Amino acid sequence: TLSIHDYAANNTGVFQNATLNIYTDNGTSTYQYVGETNVPVSSGETVMVKAIYSARLTDVNGIRLRLTRDNVTGSGSVGTILGYAADESNKSWRFNSVSVEERESGLSAGSYFYKLWAISTPQNGTVNHSISAIKH
């Protein structure tokens, strides 16, 4: 569903177009572990997870992200894949930023590790990432 809202008063405009890109794991790329956040969940809670990755790239191949959920900490286990995102806008030597957001419900009570994985070639010291979760 695409929703467009204009909350500003006294102006008009026309929506021109939108693009939907769907990314999946083709099995040929190697994702590198970026980080994780631990989320304790009570039975019946819904979890909204948002991960953001930004970096100054050294090439024009963009960024590919994968968000996973696991009950084991660290990079040794991928866990369950929740979603993908990518930015393949061919912008090198500039900061690129990509985010992936997923909603989960029906989880059993426990502690879950939401992990972010990336394929990118960033300049040294330019990677920033965050993983946040909201429970309700």
C-alpha atoms as a PDB file:
ATOM      1  CA  THR A   1       0.000   0.000   0.000  1.00  0.00           C
ATOM      2  CA  LEU A   2       1.316   3.379  -0.963  1.00  0.00           C
ATOM      3  CA  SER A   3      -0.072   6.300   1.019  1.00  0.00           C
ATOM      4  CA  ILE A   4       0.708   9.919   0.232  1.00  0.00           C
ATOM      5  CA  HIS A   5      -0.183  12.783   2.541  1.00  0.00           C
ATOM      6  CA  ASP A   6       0.336  16.524   2.229  1.00  0.00           C
ATOM      7  CA  TYR A   7      -0.145  18.148   5.614  1.00  0.00           C
ATOM      8  CA  ALA A   8       0.987  21.604   4.532  1.00  0.00           C
ATOM      9  CA  ALA A   9      -1.712  24.216   4.069  1.00  0.00           C
ATOM     10  CA  ASN A  10      -2.325  26.396   1.003  1.00  0.00           C
ATOM     11  CA  ASN A  11      -0.408  24.439  -1.599  1.00  0.00           C
ATOM     12  CA  THR A  12      -1.198  21.890  -4.265  1.00  0.00           C
ATOM     13  CA  GLY A  13       0.764  19.285  -6.108  1.00  0.00           C
ATOM     14  CA  VAL A  14       0.570  16.204  -8.261  1.00  0.00           C
ATOM     15  CA  PHE A  15       2.137  12.883  -7.389  1.00  0.00           C
ATOM     16  CA  GLN A  16       4.218  11.851 -10.398  1.00  0.00           C
ATOM     17  CA  ASN A  17       5.492   8.301  -9.825  1.00  0.00           C
ATOM     18  CA  ALA A  18       6.904   5.675  -7.468  1.00  0.00           C
ATOM     19  CA  THR A  19       9.250   2.732  -7.795  1.00  0.00           C
ATOM     20  CA  LEU A  20       9.160  -0.545  -5.902  1.00  0.00           C
ATOM     21  CA  ASN A  21      12.342  -2.621  -5.826  1.00  0.00           C
ATOM     22  CA  ILE A  22      12.195  -6.083  -4.267  1.00  0.00           C
ATOM     23  CA  TYR A  23      15.483  -7.559  -3.047  1.00  0.00           C
ATOM     24  CA  THR A  24      16.155 -11.117  -1.963  1.00  0.00           C
ATOM     25  CA  ASP A  25      19.211 -13.130  -1.130  1.00  0.00           C
ATOM     26  CA  ASN A  26      20.416 -14.801  -4.323  1.00  0.00           C
ATOM     27  CA  GLY A  27      22.771 -17.039  -2.364  1.00  0.00           C
ATOM     28  CA  THR A  28      25.913 -15.784  -4.094  1.00  0.00           C
ATOM     29  CA  SER A  29      26.718 -12.802  -1.880  1.00  0.00           C
ATOM     30  CA  THR A  30      28.478 -12.851   1.479  1.00  0.00           C
ATOM     31  CA  TYR A  31      26.906 -10.625   4.116  1.00  0.00           C
ATOM     32  CA  GLN A  32      29.162  -9.322   6.872  1.00  0.00           C
ATOM     33  CA  TYR A  33      27.879  -9.107  10.439  1.00  0.00           C
ATOM     34  CA  VAL A  34      27.434  -5.459  11.465  1.00  0.00           C
ATOM     35  CA  GLY A  35      25.847  -5.624  14.914  1.00  0.00           C
ATOM     36  CA  GLU A  36      22.812  -6.601  16.954  1.00  0.00           C
ATOM     37  CA  THR A  37      20.434  -5.528  19.683  1.00  0.00           C
ATOM     38  CA  ASN A  38      18.978  -7.757  22.384  1.00  0.00           C
ATOM     39  CA  VAL A  39      15.199  -7.512  22.811  1.00  0.00           C
ATOM     40  CA  PRO A  40      13.486  -9.334  25.700  1.00  0.00           C
ATOM     41  CA  VAL A  41       9.943 -10.218  24.596  1.00  0.00           C
ATOM     42  CA  SER A  42       6.902 -11.181  26.647  1.00  0.00           C
ATOM     43  CA  SER A  43       4.395 -13.593  25.187  1.00  0.00           C
ATOM     44  CA  GLY A  44       1.928 -11.771  22.941  1.00  0.00           C
ATOM     45  CA  GLU A  45       4.058  -8.662  22.361  1.00  0.00           C
ATOM     46  CA  THR A  46       4.549  -7.241  18.884  1.00  0.00           C
ATOM     47  CA  VAL A  47       8.054  -6.038  18.005  1.00  0.00           C
ATOM     48  CA  MET A  48       8.864  -3.348  15.429  1.00  0.00           C
ATOM     49  CA  VAL A  49      12.555  -3.400  14.502  1.00  0.00           C
ATOM     50  CA  LYS A  50      14.303  -0.759  12.425  1.00  0.00           C
ATOM     51  CA  ALA A  51      17.941  -0.950  11.373  1.00  0.00           C
ATOM     52  CA  ILE A  52      19.853   1.845   9.646  1.00  0.00           C
ATOM     53  CA  TYR A  53      23.259   1.510   7.999  1.00  0.00           C
ATOM     54  CA  SER A  54      25.236   4.357   6.484  1.00  0.00           C
ATOM     55  CA  ALA A  55      28.752   4.555   5.088  1.00  0.00           C
ATOM     56  CA  ARG A  56      30.964   6.434   2.683  1.00  0.00           C
ATOM     57  CA  LEU A  57      31.478   3.896  -0.091  1.00  0.00           C
ATOM     58  CA  THR A  58      34.630   3.264  -2.092  1.00  0.00           C
ATOM     59  CA  ASP A  59      32.814   1.826  -5.104  1.00  0.00           C
ATOM     60  CA  VAL A  60      29.551   2.187  -7.019  1.00  0.00           C
ATOM     61  CA  ASN A  61      27.995  -1.122  -5.953  1.00  0.00           C
ATOM     62  CA  GLY A  62      25.804   0.389  -3.239  1.00  0.00           C
ATOM     63  CA  ILE A  63      24.692  -1.287  -0.026  1.00  0.00           C
ATOM     64  CA  ARG A  64      22.674  -4.444   0.604  1.00  0.00           C
ATOM     65  CA  LEU A  65      21.242  -5.128   4.051  1.00  0.00           C
ATOM     66  CA  ARG A  66      19.742  -8.182   5.703  1.00  0.00           C
ATOM     67  CA  LEU A  67      17.921  -8.156   9.054  1.00  0.00           C
ATOM     68  CA  THR A  68      17.701 -11.402  11.026  1.00  0.00           C
ATOM     69  CA  ARG A  69      16.380 -12.654  14.370  1.00  0.00           C
ATOM     70  CA  ASP A  70      18.180 -15.252  16.458  1.00  0.00           C
ATOM     71  CA  ASN A  71      18.223 -16.576  20.003  1.00  0.00           C
ATOM     72  CA  VAL A  72      22.036 -16.717  19.915  1.00  0.00           C
ATOM     73  CA  THR A  73      24.256 -13.651  20.159  1.00  0.00           C
ATOM     74  CA  GLY A  74      27.114 -12.852  17.779  1.00  0.00           C
ATOM     75  CA  SER A  75      28.033 -13.521  14.178  1.00  0.00           C
ATOM     76  CA  GLY A  76      28.253 -17.311  14.446  1.00  0.00           C
ATOM     77  CA  SER A  77      24.582 -17.851  13.648  1.00  0.00           C
ATOM     78  CA  VAL A  78      22.389 -16.052  11.128  1.00  0.00           C
ATOM     79  CA  GLY A  79      19.026 -17.112  12.565  1.00  0.00           C
ATOM     80  CA  THR A  80      15.749 -16.336  10.837  1.00  0.00           C
ATOM     81  CA  ILE A  81      15.903 -13.864   7.944  1.00  0.00           C
ATOM     82  CA  LEU A  82      13.295 -11.132   8.368  1.00  0.00           C
ATOM     83  CA  GLY A  83      13.960  -8.707   5.545  1.00  0.00           C
ATOM     84  CA  TYR A  84      16.233  -7.076   3.010  1.00  0.00           C
ATOM     85  CA  ALA A  85      16.932  -3.562   1.782  1.00  0.00           C
ATOM     86  CA  ALA A  86      19.344  -2.094  -0.737  1.00  0.00           C
ATOM     87  CA  ASP A  87      20.646   1.116  -2.237  1.00  0.00           C
ATOM     88  CA  GLU A  88      22.200   0.586  -5.634  1.00  0.00           C
ATOM     89  CA  SER A  89      22.198   4.181  -6.750  1.00  0.00           C
ATOM     90  CA  ASN A  90      25.824   4.054  -7.931  1.00  0.00           C
ATOM     91  CA  LYS A  91      26.962   6.822  -5.605  1.00  0.00           C
ATOM     92  CA  SER A  92      30.563   6.311  -4.574  1.00  0.00           C
ATOM     93  CA  TRP A  93      32.639   8.581  -2.363  1.00  0.00           C
ATOM     94  CA  ARG A  94      29.411   9.887  -0.798  1.00  0.00           C
ATOM     95  CA  PHE A  95      27.499   8.813   2.258  1.00  0.00           C
ATOM     96  CA  ASN A  96      24.848   6.262   1.428  1.00  0.00           C
ATOM     97  CA  SER A  97      22.192   5.282   3.921  1.00  0.00           C
ATOM     98  CA  VAL A  98      19.829   2.304   3.857  1.00  0.00           C
ATOM     99  CA  SER A  99      17.205   1.192   6.353  1.00  0.00           C
ATOM    100  CA  VAL A 100      15.175  -1.969   6.812  1.00  0.00           C
ATOM    101  CA  GLU A 101      12.109  -2.222   9.032  1.00  0.00           C
ATOM    102  CA  GLU A 102      10.166  -5.319  10.055  1.00  0.00           C
ATOM    103  CA  ARG A 103       7.221  -6.125  12.335  1.00  0.00           C
ATOM    104  CA  GLU A 104       6.878  -9.407  14.216  1.00  0.00           C
ATOM    105  CA  SER A 105       4.045 -10.739  16.314  1.00  0.00           C
ATOM    106  CA  GLY A 106       3.278 -14.085  17.895  1.00  0.00           C
ATOM    107  CA  LEU A 107       6.757 -14.652  19.293  1.00  0.00           C
ATOM    108  CA  SER A 108       7.226 -16.851  22.343  1.00  0.00           C
ATOM    109  CA  ALA A 109       8.492 -15.176  25.498  1.00  0.00           C
ATOM    110  CA  GLY A 110      12.266 -14.957  25.494  1.00  0.00           C
ATOM    111  CA  SER A 111      15.278 -12.895  24.556  1.00  0.00           C
ATOM    112  CA  TYR A 112      15.890 -12.309  20.850  1.00  0.00           C
ATOM    113  CA  PHE A 113      18.903 -10.866  19.063  1.00  0.00           C
ATOM    114  CA  TYR A 114      18.016  -8.753  16.048  1.00  0.00           C
ATOM    115  CA  LYS A 115      21.090  -8.726  13.806  1.00  0.00           C
ATOM    116  CA  LEU A 116      22.120  -6.494  10.920  1.00  0.00           C
ATOM    117  CA  TRP A 117      24.230  -7.838   8.048  1.00  0.00           C
ATOM    118  CA  ALA A 118      25.610  -5.809   5.125  1.00  0.00           C
ATOM    119  CA  ILE A 119      27.334  -6.084   1.791  1.00  0.00           C
ATOM    120  CA  SER A 120      29.262  -2.887   1.074  1.00  0.00           C
ATOM    121  CA  THR A 121      32.751  -1.551   0.579  1.00  0.00           C
ATOM    122  CA  PRO A 122      32.984   1.406   2.946  1.00  0.00           C
ATOM    123  CA  GLN A 123      35.947   3.640   3.539  1.00  0.00           C
ATOM    124  CA  ASN A 124      37.652   2.854   6.832  1.00  0.00           C
ATOM    125  CA  GLY A 125      35.978   4.512   9.804  1.00  0.00           C
ATOM    126  CA  THR A 126      32.873   5.708   7.955  1.00  0.00           C
ATOM    127  CA  VAL A 127      30.291   3.059   8.916  1.00  0.00           C
ATOM    128  CA  ASN A 128      27.446   4.017  11.230  1.00  0.00           C
ATOM    129  CA  HIS A 129      24.562   1.776  12.150  1.00  0.00           C
ATOM    130  CA  SER A 130      21.690   1.550  14.592  1.00  0.00           C
ATOM    131  CA  ILE A 131      19.159  -1.119  15.456  1.00  0.00           C
ATOM    132  CA  SER A 132      16.129  -0.068  17.466  1.00  0.00           C
ATOM    133  CA  ALA A 133      13.075  -1.984  18.641  1.00  0.00           C
ATOM    134  CA  ILE A 134       9.676  -0.884  19.881  1.00  0.00           C
ATOM    135  CA  LYS A 135       7.436  -3.383  21.655  1.00  0.00           C
ATOM    136  CA  HIS A 136       3.686  -3.141  22.084  1.00  0.00           C
END
